[in-house]
Amino acid sequence: TAPQASEQRQTYDLAVQAARDYRDAVHQAIRLIEADRFEDAEQISKTQWVKIANHLRDQTDKLGDANTADLFTEISRCADKYLYFLEAHLQG
């Protein structure tokens, strides 16, 4: 039905925007680490990344796409792990 398709499109658009926000937060954290602002980068990873990743999962769940929701969960875990390794490398 048209209302259901419109709602799915809106949910899809929100998921796409959340993915862009997540990408931007990752890039911002990398720039902060390169500028030796480790605490600021860590704060981003603990607040923005978690918030955005949860929003992504919620949106993909609303679309009925559990596999994509699982994928975003794993992306979040990997991003946190790589940020940790990057911080350790730059501090070492």
PDB file of N, CA and C in Angstrom:
ATOM      1  N   THR A   1       0.834  -1.185   0.000  1.00  0.00           N
ATOM      2  CA  THR A   1       0.000   0.000   0.000  1.00  0.00           C
ATOM      3  C   THR A   1       0.875   1.244   0.000  1.00  0.00           C
ATOM      4  N   ALA A   2       0.317   2.342  -0.451  1.00  0.00           N
ATOM      5  CA  ALA A   2       1.078   3.585  -0.580  1.00  0.00           C
ATOM      6  C   ALA A   2       1.573   4.117   0.769  1.00  0.00           C
ATOM      7  N   PRO A   3       0.731   4.153   1.820  1.00  0.00           N
ATOM      8  CA  PRO A   3       1.240   4.647   3.107  1.00  0.00           C
ATOM      9  C   PRO A   3       2.370   3.778   3.662  1.00  0.00           C
ATOM     10  N   GLN A   4       2.256   2.466   3.496  1.00  0.00           N
ATOM     11  CA  GLN A   4       3.299   1.566   3.983  1.00  0.00           C
ATOM     12  C   GLN A   4       4.595   1.773   3.201  1.00  0.00           C
ATOM     13  N   ALA A   5       4.490   1.953   1.888  1.00  0.00           N
ATOM     14  CA  ALA A   5       5.677   2.192   1.067  1.00  0.00           C
ATOM     15  C   ALA A   5       6.324   3.521   1.441  1.00  0.00           C
ATOM     16  N   SER A   6       5.518   4.520   1.715  1.00  0.00           N
ATOM     17  CA  SER A   6       6.042   5.825   2.118  1.00  0.00           C
ATOM     18  C   SER A   6       6.761   5.726   3.459  1.00  0.00           C
ATOM     19  N   GLU A   7       6.197   4.966   4.388  1.00  0.00           N
ATOM     20  CA  GLU A   7       6.826   4.790   5.698  1.00  0.00           C
ATOM     21  C   GLU A   7       8.142   4.027   5.566  1.00  0.00           C
ATOM     22  N   GLN A   8       8.167   3.012   4.725  1.00  0.00           N
ATOM     23  CA  GLN A   8       9.404   2.266   4.504  1.00  0.00           C
ATOM     24  C   GLN A   8      10.467   3.146   3.863  1.00  0.00           C
ATOM     25  N   ARG A   9      10.063   3.989   2.934  1.00  0.00           N
ATOM     26  CA  ARG A   9      11.008   4.904   2.285  1.00  0.00           C
ATOM     27  C   ARG A   9      11.592   5.876   3.310  1.00  0.00           C
ATOM     28  N   GLN A  10      10.749   6.383   4.191  1.00  0.00           N
ATOM     29  CA  GLN A  10      11.216   7.312   5.222  1.00  0.00           C
ATOM     30  C   GLN A  10      12.189   6.609   6.160  1.00  0.00           C
ATOM     31  N   THR A  11      11.867   5.376   6.542  1.00  0.00           N
ATOM     32  CA  THR A  11      12.761   4.604   7.403  1.00  0.00           C
ATOM     33  C   THR A  11      14.083   4.351   6.693  1.00  0.00           C
ATOM     34  N   TYR A  12      14.019   4.012   5.417  1.00  0.00           N
ATOM     35  CA  TYR A  12      15.230   3.796   4.622  1.00  0.00           C
ATOM     36  C   TYR A  12      16.079   5.063   4.579  1.00  0.00           C
ATOM     37  N   ASP A  13      15.445   6.211   4.328  1.00  0.00           N
ATOM     38  CA  ASP A  13      16.173   7.478   4.278  1.00  0.00           C
ATOM     39  C   ASP A  13      16.841   7.789   5.620  1.00  0.00           C
ATOM     40  N   LEU A  14      16.158   7.488   6.729  1.00  0.00           N
ATOM     41  CA  LEU A  14      16.748   7.701   8.051  1.00  0.00           C
ATOM     42  C   LEU A  14      17.948   6.783   8.268  1.00  0.00           C
ATOM     43  N   ALA A  15      17.857   5.555   7.792  1.00  0.00           N
ATOM     44  CA  ALA A  15      18.976   4.624   7.923  1.00  0.00           C
ATOM     45  C   ALA A  15      20.174   5.088   7.102  1.00  0.00           C
ATOM     46  N   VAL A  16      19.933   5.581   5.903  1.00  0.00           N
ATOM     47  CA  VAL A  16      21.015   6.087   5.058  1.00  0.00           C
ATOM     48  C   VAL A  16      21.680   7.291   5.721  1.00  0.00           C
ATOM     49  N   GLN A  17      20.889   8.201   6.267  1.00  0.00           N
ATOM     50  CA  GLN A  17      21.456   9.370   6.940  1.00  0.00           C
ATOM     51  C   GLN A  17      22.255   8.951   8.169  1.00  0.00           C
ATOM     52  N   ALA A  18      21.753   7.983   8.907  1.00  0.00           N
ATOM     53  CA  ALA A  18      22.483   7.501  10.078  1.00  0.00           C
ATOM     54  C   ALA A  18      23.811   6.875   9.664  1.00  0.00           C
ATOM     55  N   ALA A  19      23.828   6.169   8.545  1.00  0.00           N
ATOM     56  CA  ALA A  19      25.081   5.588   8.052  1.00  0.00           C
ATOM     57  C   ALA A  19      26.068   6.687   7.683  1.00  0.00           C
ATOM     58  N   ARG A  20      25.592   7.739   7.071  1.00  0.00           N
ATOM     59  CA  ARG A  20      26.469   8.882   6.742  1.00  0.00           C
ATOM     60  C   ARG A  20      26.991   9.543   8.014  1.00  0.00           C
ATOM     61  N   ASP A  21      26.127   9.700   9.010  1.00  0.00           N
ATOM     62  CA  ASP A  21      26.550  10.291  10.276  1.00  0.00           C
ATOM     63  C   ASP A  21      27.629   9.431  10.936  1.00  0.00           C
ATOM     64  N   TYR A  22      27.461   8.119  10.855  1.00  0.00           N
ATOM     65  CA  TYR A  22      28.436   7.201  11.436  1.00  0.00           C
ATOM     66  C   TYR A  22      29.782   7.355  10.738  1.00  0.00           C
ATOM     67  N   ARG A  23      29.753   7.377   9.421  1.00  0.00           N
ATOM     68  CA  ARG A  23      30.982   7.563   8.640  1.00  0.00           C
ATOM     69  C   ARG A  23      31.659   8.883   9.016  1.00  0.00           C
ATOM     70  N   ASP A  24      30.883   9.944   9.131  1.00  0.00           N
ATOM     71  CA  ASP A  24      31.447  11.246   9.480  1.00  0.00           C
ATOM     72  C   ASP A  24      32.068  11.239  10.874  1.00  0.00           C
ATOM     73  N   ALA A  25      31.425  10.546  11.814  1.00  0.00           N
ATOM     74  CA  ALA A  25      31.966  10.457  13.176  1.00  0.00           C
ATOM     75  C   ALA A  25      33.288   9.698  13.181  1.00  0.00           C
ATOM     76  N   VAL A  26      33.383   8.636  12.389  1.00  0.00           N
ATOM     77  CA  VAL A  26      34.631   7.880  12.292  1.00  0.00           C
ATOM     78  C   VAL A  26      35.737   8.768  11.724  1.00  0.00           C
ATOM     79  N   HIS A  27      35.430   9.491  10.662  1.00  0.00           N
ATOM     80  CA  HIS A  27      36.436  10.380  10.063  1.00  0.00           C
ATOM     81  C   HIS A  27      36.852  11.485  11.029  1.00  0.00           C
ATOM     82  N   GLN A  28      35.898  12.005  11.780  1.00  0.00           N
ATOM     83  CA  GLN A  28      36.217  13.043  12.763  1.00  0.00           C
ATOM     84  C   GLN A  28      37.149  12.484  13.837  1.00  0.00           C
ATOM     85  N   ALA A  29      36.879  11.276  14.299  1.00  0.00           N
ATOM     86  CA  ALA A  29      37.735  10.659  15.316  1.00  0.00           C
ATOM     87  C   ALA A  29      39.143  10.442  14.780  1.00  0.00           C
ATOM     88  N   ILE A  30      39.263  10.017  13.546  1.00  0.00           N
ATOM     89  CA  ILE A  30      40.584   9.809  12.946  1.00  0.00           C
ATOM     90  C   ILE A  30      41.348  11.125  12.870  1.00  0.00           C
ATOM     91  N   ARG A  31      40.670  12.201  12.460  1.00  0.00           N
ATOM     92  CA  ARG A  31      41.337  13.513  12.401  1.00  0.00           C
ATOM     93  C   ARG A  31      41.805  13.956  13.789  1.00  0.00           C
ATOM     94  N   LEU A  32      40.994  13.701  14.797  1.00  0.00           N
ATOM     95  CA  LEU A  32      41.378  14.072  16.157  1.00  0.00           C
ATOM     96  C   LEU A  32      42.585  13.269  16.632  1.00  0.00           C
ATOM     97  N   ILE A  33      42.623  12.006  16.306  1.00  0.00           N
ATOM     98  CA  ILE A  33      43.764  11.172  16.687  1.00  0.00           C
ATOM     99  C   ILE A  33      45.026  11.661  15.986  1.00  0.00           C
ATOM    100  N   GLU A  34      44.903  12.000  14.720  1.00  0.00           N
ATOM    101  CA  GLU A  34      46.063  12.514  13.974  1.00  0.00           C
ATOM    102  C   GLU A  34      46.575  13.815  14.570  1.00  0.00           C
ATOM    103  N   ALA A  35      45.675  14.561  15.232  1.00  0.00           N
ATOM    104  CA  ALA A  35      46.056  15.824  15.871  1.00  0.00           C
ATOM    105  C   ALA A  35      46.436  15.617  17.340  1.00  0.00           C
ATOM    106  N   ASP A  36      46.668  14.362  17.730  1.00  0.00           N
ATOM    107  CA  ASP A  36      47.029  14.015  19.107  1.00  0.00           C
ATOM    108  C   ASP A  36      45.971  14.424  20.118  1.00  0.00           C
ATOM    109  N   ARG A  37      44.734  14.405  19.724  1.00  0.00           N
ATOM    110  CA  ARG A  37      43.618  14.721  20.625  1.00  0.00           C
ATOM    111  C   ARG A  37      42.876  13.417  20.947  1.00  0.00           C
ATOM    112  N   PHE A  38      43.575  12.530  21.640  1.00  0.00           N
ATOM    113  CA  PHE A  38      43.081  11.190  21.891  1.00  0.00           C
ATOM    114  C   PHE A  38      41.812  11.169  22.740  1.00  0.00           C
ATOM    115  N   GLU A  39      41.773  12.008  23.765  1.00  0.00           N
ATOM    116  CA  GLU A  39      40.596  12.011  24.643  1.00  0.00           C
ATOM    117  C   GLU A  39      39.349  12.443  23.884  1.00  0.00           C
ATOM    118  N   ASP A  40      39.492  13.439  23.014  1.00  0.00           N
ATOM    119  CA  ASP A  40      38.346  13.885  22.211  1.00  0.00           C
ATOM    120  C   ASP A  40      37.882  12.782  21.271  1.00  0.00           C
ATOM    121  N   ALA A  41      38.838  12.077  20.673  1.00  0.00           N
ATOM    122  CA  ALA A  41      38.490  10.975  19.768  1.00  0.00           C
ATOM    123  C   ALA A  41      37.797   9.856  20.520  1.00  0.00           C
ATOM    124  N   GLU A  42      38.285   9.560  21.711  1.00  0.00           N
ATOM    125  CA  GLU A  42      37.677   8.508  22.514  1.00  0.00           C
ATOM    126  C   GLU A  42      36.254   8.881  22.908  1.00  0.00           C
ATOM    127  N   GLN A  43      36.042  10.150  23.207  1.00  0.00           N
ATOM    128  CA  GLN A  43      34.701  10.613  23.564  1.00  0.00           C
ATOM    129  C   GLN A  43      33.741  10.420  22.403  1.00  0.00           C
ATOM    130  N   ILE A  44      34.197  10.692  21.192  1.00  0.00           N
ATOM    131  CA  ILE A  44      33.352  10.472  20.016  1.00  0.00           C
ATOM    132  C   ILE A  44      32.987   9.003  19.911  1.00  0.00           C
ATOM    133  N   SER A  45      33.979   8.141  20.070  1.00  0.00           N
ATOM    134  CA  SER A  45      33.702   6.717  19.913  1.00  0.00           C
ATOM    135  C   SER A  45      32.730   6.210  20.966  1.00  0.00           C
ATOM    136  N   LYS A  46      32.776   6.783  22.145  1.00  0.00           N
ATOM    137  CA  LYS A  46      31.910   6.304  23.217  1.00  0.00           C
ATOM    138  C   LYS A  46      30.509   6.897  23.148  1.00  0.00           C
ATOM    139  N   THR A  47      30.354   8.016  22.507  1.00  0.00           N
ATOM    140  CA  THR A  47      29.032   8.638  22.486  1.00  0.00           C
ATOM    141  C   THR A  47      28.404   8.560  21.098  1.00  0.00           C
ATOM    142  N   GLN A  48      28.988   9.248  20.139  1.00  0.00           N
ATOM    143  CA  GLN A  48      28.390   9.311  18.813  1.00  0.00           C
ATOM    144  C   GLN A  48      28.302   7.950  18.142  1.00  0.00           C
ATOM    145  N   TRP A  49      29.382   7.187  18.173  1.00  0.00           N
ATOM    146  CA  TRP A  49      29.373   5.908  17.474  1.00  0.00           C
ATOM    147  C   TRP A  49      28.297   4.993  18.022  1.00  0.00           C
ATOM    148  N   VAL A  50      28.212   4.905  19.335  1.00  0.00           N
ATOM    149  CA  VAL A  50      27.227   4.020  19.945  1.00  0.00           C
ATOM    150  C   VAL A  50      25.812   4.501  19.614  1.00  0.00           C
ATOM    151  N   LYS A  51      25.594   5.791  19.752  1.00  0.00           N
ATOM    152  CA  LYS A  51      24.276   6.357  19.472  1.00  0.00           C
ATOM    153  C   LYS A  51      23.878   6.120  18.019  1.00  0.00           C
ATOM    154  N   ILE A  52      24.787   6.391  17.106  1.00  0.00           N
ATOM    155  CA  ILE A  52      24.480   6.247  15.688  1.00  0.00           C
ATOM    156  C   ILE A  52      24.318   4.773  15.315  1.00  0.00           C
ATOM    157  N   ALA A  53      25.188   3.918  15.828  1.00  0.00           N
ATOM    158  CA  ALA A  53      25.079   2.487  15.516  1.00  0.00           C
ATOM    159  C   ALA A  53      23.752   1.925  16.022  1.00  0.00           C
ATOM    160  N   ASN A  54      23.340   2.333  17.205  1.00  0.00           N
ATOM    161  CA  ASN A  54      22.046   1.883  17.720  1.00  0.00           C
ATOM    162  C   ASN A  54      20.905   2.375  16.843  1.00  0.00           C
ATOM    163  N   HIS A  55      20.993   3.605  16.397  1.00  0.00           N
ATOM    164  CA  HIS A  55      19.967   4.163  15.514  1.00  0.00           C
ATOM    165  C   HIS A  55      19.926   3.389  14.192  1.00  0.00           C
ATOM    166  N   LEU A  56      21.097   3.067  13.653  1.00  0.00           N
ATOM    167  CA  LEU A  56      21.147   2.281  12.425  1.00  0.00           C
ATOM    168  C   LEU A  56      20.474   0.928  12.604  1.00  0.00           C
ATOM    169  N   ARG A  57      20.785   0.257  13.694  1.00  0.00           N
ATOM    170  CA  ARG A  57      20.157  -1.038  13.963  1.00  0.00           C
ATOM    171  C   ARG A  57      18.646  -0.899  14.066  1.00  0.00           C
ATOM    172  N   ASP A  58      18.198   0.132  14.779  1.00  0.00           N
ATOM    173  CA  ASP A  58      16.757   0.343  14.944  1.00  0.00           C
ATOM    174  C   ASP A  58      16.079   0.558  13.591  1.00  0.00           C
ATOM    175  N   GLN A  59      16.693   1.369  12.740  1.00  0.00           N
ATOM    176  CA  GLN A  59      16.085   1.647  11.445  1.00  0.00           C
ATOM    177  C   GLN A  59      16.032   0.401  10.561  1.00  0.00           C
ATOM    178  N   THR A  60      17.118  -0.364  10.564  1.00  0.00           N
ATOM    179  CA  THR A  60      17.116  -1.567   9.728  1.00  0.00           C
ATOM    180  C   THR A  60      16.171  -2.626  10.307  1.00  0.00           C
ATOM    181  N   ASP A  61      16.021  -2.656  11.623  1.00  0.00           N
ATOM    182  CA  ASP A  61      15.025  -3.553  12.217  1.00  0.00           C
ATOM    183  C   ASP A  61      13.618  -3.169  11.767  1.00  0.00           C
ATOM    184  N   LYS A  62      13.349  -1.866  11.726  1.00  0.00           N
ATOM    185  CA  LYS A  62      12.033  -1.402  11.278  1.00  0.00           C
ATOM    186  C   LYS A  62      11.772  -1.821   9.836  1.00  0.00           C
ATOM    187  N   LEU A  63      12.835  -1.895   9.048  1.00  0.00           N
ATOM    188  CA  LEU A  63      12.684  -2.331   7.662  1.00  0.00           C
ATOM    189  C   LEU A  63      12.549  -3.853   7.567  1.00  0.00           C
ATOM    190  N   GLY A  64      12.696  -4.526   8.699  1.00  0.00           N
ATOM    191  CA  GLY A  64      12.591  -5.975   8.702  1.00  0.00           C
ATOM    192  C   GLY A  64      13.834  -6.657   8.164  1.00  0.00           C
ATOM    193  N   ASP A  65      14.964  -5.978   8.279  1.00  0.00           N
ATOM    194  CA  ASP A  65      16.210  -6.500   7.719  1.00  0.00           C
ATOM    195  C   ASP A  65      17.181  -6.827   8.851  1.00  0.00           C
ATOM    196  N   ALA A  66      16.974  -7.981   9.455  1.00  0.00           N
ATOM    197  CA  ALA A  66      17.804  -8.384  10.599  1.00  0.00           C
ATOM    198  C   ALA A  66      19.260  -8.585  10.195  1.00  0.00           C
ATOM    199  N   ASN A  67      19.504  -9.058   8.984  1.00  0.00           N
ATOM    200  CA  ASN A  67      20.886  -9.271   8.545  1.00  0.00           C
ATOM    201  C   ASN A  67      21.659  -7.955   8.484  1.00  0.00           C
ATOM    202  N   THR A  68      21.028  -6.911   7.971  1.00  0.00           N
ATOM    203  CA  THR A  68      21.699  -5.613   7.912  1.00  0.00           C
ATOM    204  C   THR A  68      21.896  -5.052   9.308  1.00  0.00           C
ATOM    205  N   ALA A  69      20.934  -5.247  10.185  1.00  0.00           N
ATOM    206  CA  ALA A  69      21.093  -4.803  11.570  1.00  0.00           C
ATOM    207  C   ALA A  69      22.292  -5.498  12.207  1.00  0.00           C
ATOM    208  N   ASP A  70      22.434  -6.790  11.965  1.00  0.00           N
ATOM    209  CA  ASP A  70      23.600  -7.523  12.474  1.00  0.00           C
ATOM    210  C   ASP A  70      24.893  -6.990  11.873  1.00  0.00           C
ATOM    211  N   LEU A  71      24.839  -6.641  10.602  1.00  0.00           N
ATOM    212  CA  LEU A  71      26.016  -6.087   9.927  1.00  0.00           C
ATOM    213  C   LEU A  71      26.441  -4.775  10.585  1.00  0.00           C
ATOM    214  N   PHE A  72      25.492  -3.899  10.887  1.00  0.00           N
ATOM    215  CA  PHE A  72      25.829  -2.634  11.537  1.00  0.00           C
ATOM    216  C   PHE A  72      26.375  -2.859  12.947  1.00  0.00           C
ATOM    217  N   THR A  73      25.885  -3.878  13.615  1.00  0.00           N
ATOM    218  CA  THR A  73      26.430  -4.220  14.929  1.00  0.00           C
ATOM    219  C   THR A  73      27.902  -4.594  14.794  1.00  0.00           C
ATOM    220  N   GLU A  74      28.213  -5.414  13.810  1.00  0.00           N
ATOM    221  CA  GLU A  74      29.601  -5.844  13.606  1.00  0.00           C
ATOM    222  C   GLU A  74      30.479  -4.677  13.145  1.00  0.00           C
ATOM    223  N   ILE A  75      29.957  -3.809  12.307  1.00  0.00           N
ATOM    224  CA  ILE A  75      30.715  -2.633  11.879  1.00  0.00           C
ATOM    225  C   ILE A  75      31.088  -1.782  13.084  1.00  0.00           C
ATOM    226  N   SER A  76      30.148  -1.593  13.984  1.00  0.00           N
ATOM    227  CA  SER A  76      30.412  -0.808  15.184  1.00  0.00           C
ATOM    228  C   SER A  76      31.514  -1.447  16.022  1.00  0.00           C
ATOM    229  N   ARG A  77      31.447  -2.757  16.191  1.00  0.00           N
ATOM    230  CA  ARG A  77      32.477  -3.455  16.963  1.00  0.00           C
ATOM    231  C   ARG A  77      33.850  -3.315  16.313  1.00  0.00           C
ATOM    232  N   CYS A  78      33.890  -3.486  15.004  1.00  0.00           N
ATOM    233  CA  CYS A  78      35.176  -3.385  14.292  1.00  0.00           C
ATOM    234  C   CYS A  78      35.734  -1.969  14.353  1.00  0.00           C
ATOM    235  N   ALA A  79      34.881  -0.973  14.200  1.00  0.00           N
ATOM    236  CA  ALA A  79      35.349   0.412  14.248  1.00  0.00           C
ATOM    237  C   ALA A  79      35.958   0.719  15.609  1.00  0.00           C
ATOM    238  N   ASP A  80      35.313   0.256  16.673  1.00  0.00           N
ATOM    239  CA  ASP A  80      35.864   0.469  18.011  1.00  0.00           C
ATOM    240  C   ASP A  80      37.213  -0.223  18.164  1.00  0.00           C
ATOM    241  N   LYS A  81      37.323  -1.422  17.632  1.00  0.00           N
ATOM    242  CA  LYS A  81      38.580  -2.172  17.727  1.00  0.00           C
ATOM    243  C   LYS A  81      39.691  -1.454  16.959  1.00  0.00           C
ATOM    244  N   TYR A  82      39.396  -0.989  15.753  1.00  0.00           N
ATOM    245  CA  TYR A  82      40.415  -0.309  14.955  1.00  0.00           C
ATOM    246  C   TYR A  82      40.803   1.030  15.561  1.00  0.00           C
ATOM    247  N   LEU A  83      39.852   1.727  16.160  1.00  0.00           N
ATOM    248  CA  LEU A  83      40.187   2.971  16.854  1.00  0.00           C
ATOM    249  C   LEU A  83      41.147   2.676  18.001  1.00  0.00           C
ATOM    250  N   TYR A  84      40.890   1.600  18.726  1.00  0.00           N
ATOM    251  CA  TYR A  84      41.769   1.209  19.831  1.00  0.00           C
ATOM    252  C   TYR A  84      43.184   0.939  19.309  1.00  0.00           C
ATOM    253  N   PHE A  85      43.294   0.174  18.228  1.00  0.00           N
ATOM    254  CA  PHE A  85      44.612  -0.139  17.671  1.00  0.00           C
ATOM    255  C   PHE A  85      45.308   1.116  17.144  1.00  0.00           C
ATOM    256  N   LEU A  86      44.538   2.003  16.533  1.00  0.00           N
ATOM    257  CA  LEU A  86      45.120   3.234  16.011  1.00  0.00           C
ATOM    258  C   LEU A  86      45.638   4.101  17.153  1.00  0.00           C
ATOM    259  N   GLU A  87      44.861   4.219  18.215  1.00  0.00           N
ATOM    260  CA  GLU A  87      45.312   5.000  19.380  1.00  0.00           C
ATOM    261  C   GLU A  87      46.569   4.394  19.977  1.00  0.00           C
ATOM    262  N   ALA A  88      46.598   3.080  20.121  1.00  0.00           N
ATOM    263  CA  ALA A  88      47.763   2.407  20.707  1.00  0.00           C
ATOM    264  C   ALA A  88      49.004   2.626  19.834  1.00  0.00           C
ATOM    265  N   HIS A  89      48.833   2.568  18.529  1.00  0.00           N
ATOM    266  CA  HIS A  89      49.954   2.778  17.617  1.00  0.00           C
ATOM    267  C   HIS A  89      50.476   4.213  17.703  1.00  0.00           C
ATOM    268  N   LEU A  90      49.569   5.172  17.720  1.00  0.00           N
ATOM    269  CA  LEU A  90      49.994   6.566  17.746  1.00  0.00           C
ATOM    270  C   LEU A  90      50.594   6.967  19.095  1.00  0.00           C
ATOM    271  N   GLN A  91      50.153   6.337  20.159  1.00  0.00           N
ATOM    272  CA  GLN A  91      50.702   6.647  21.474  1.00  0.00           C
ATOM    273  C   GLN A  91      52.010   5.924  21.738  1.00  0.00           C
ATOM    274  N   GLY A  92      52.218   4.790  21.040  1.00  0.00           N
ATOM    275  CA  GLY A  92      53.406   3.964  21.274  1.00  0.00           C
ATOM    276  C   GLY A  92      54.565   4.490  20.552  1.00  0.00           C
TER     277      GLY A  92
END
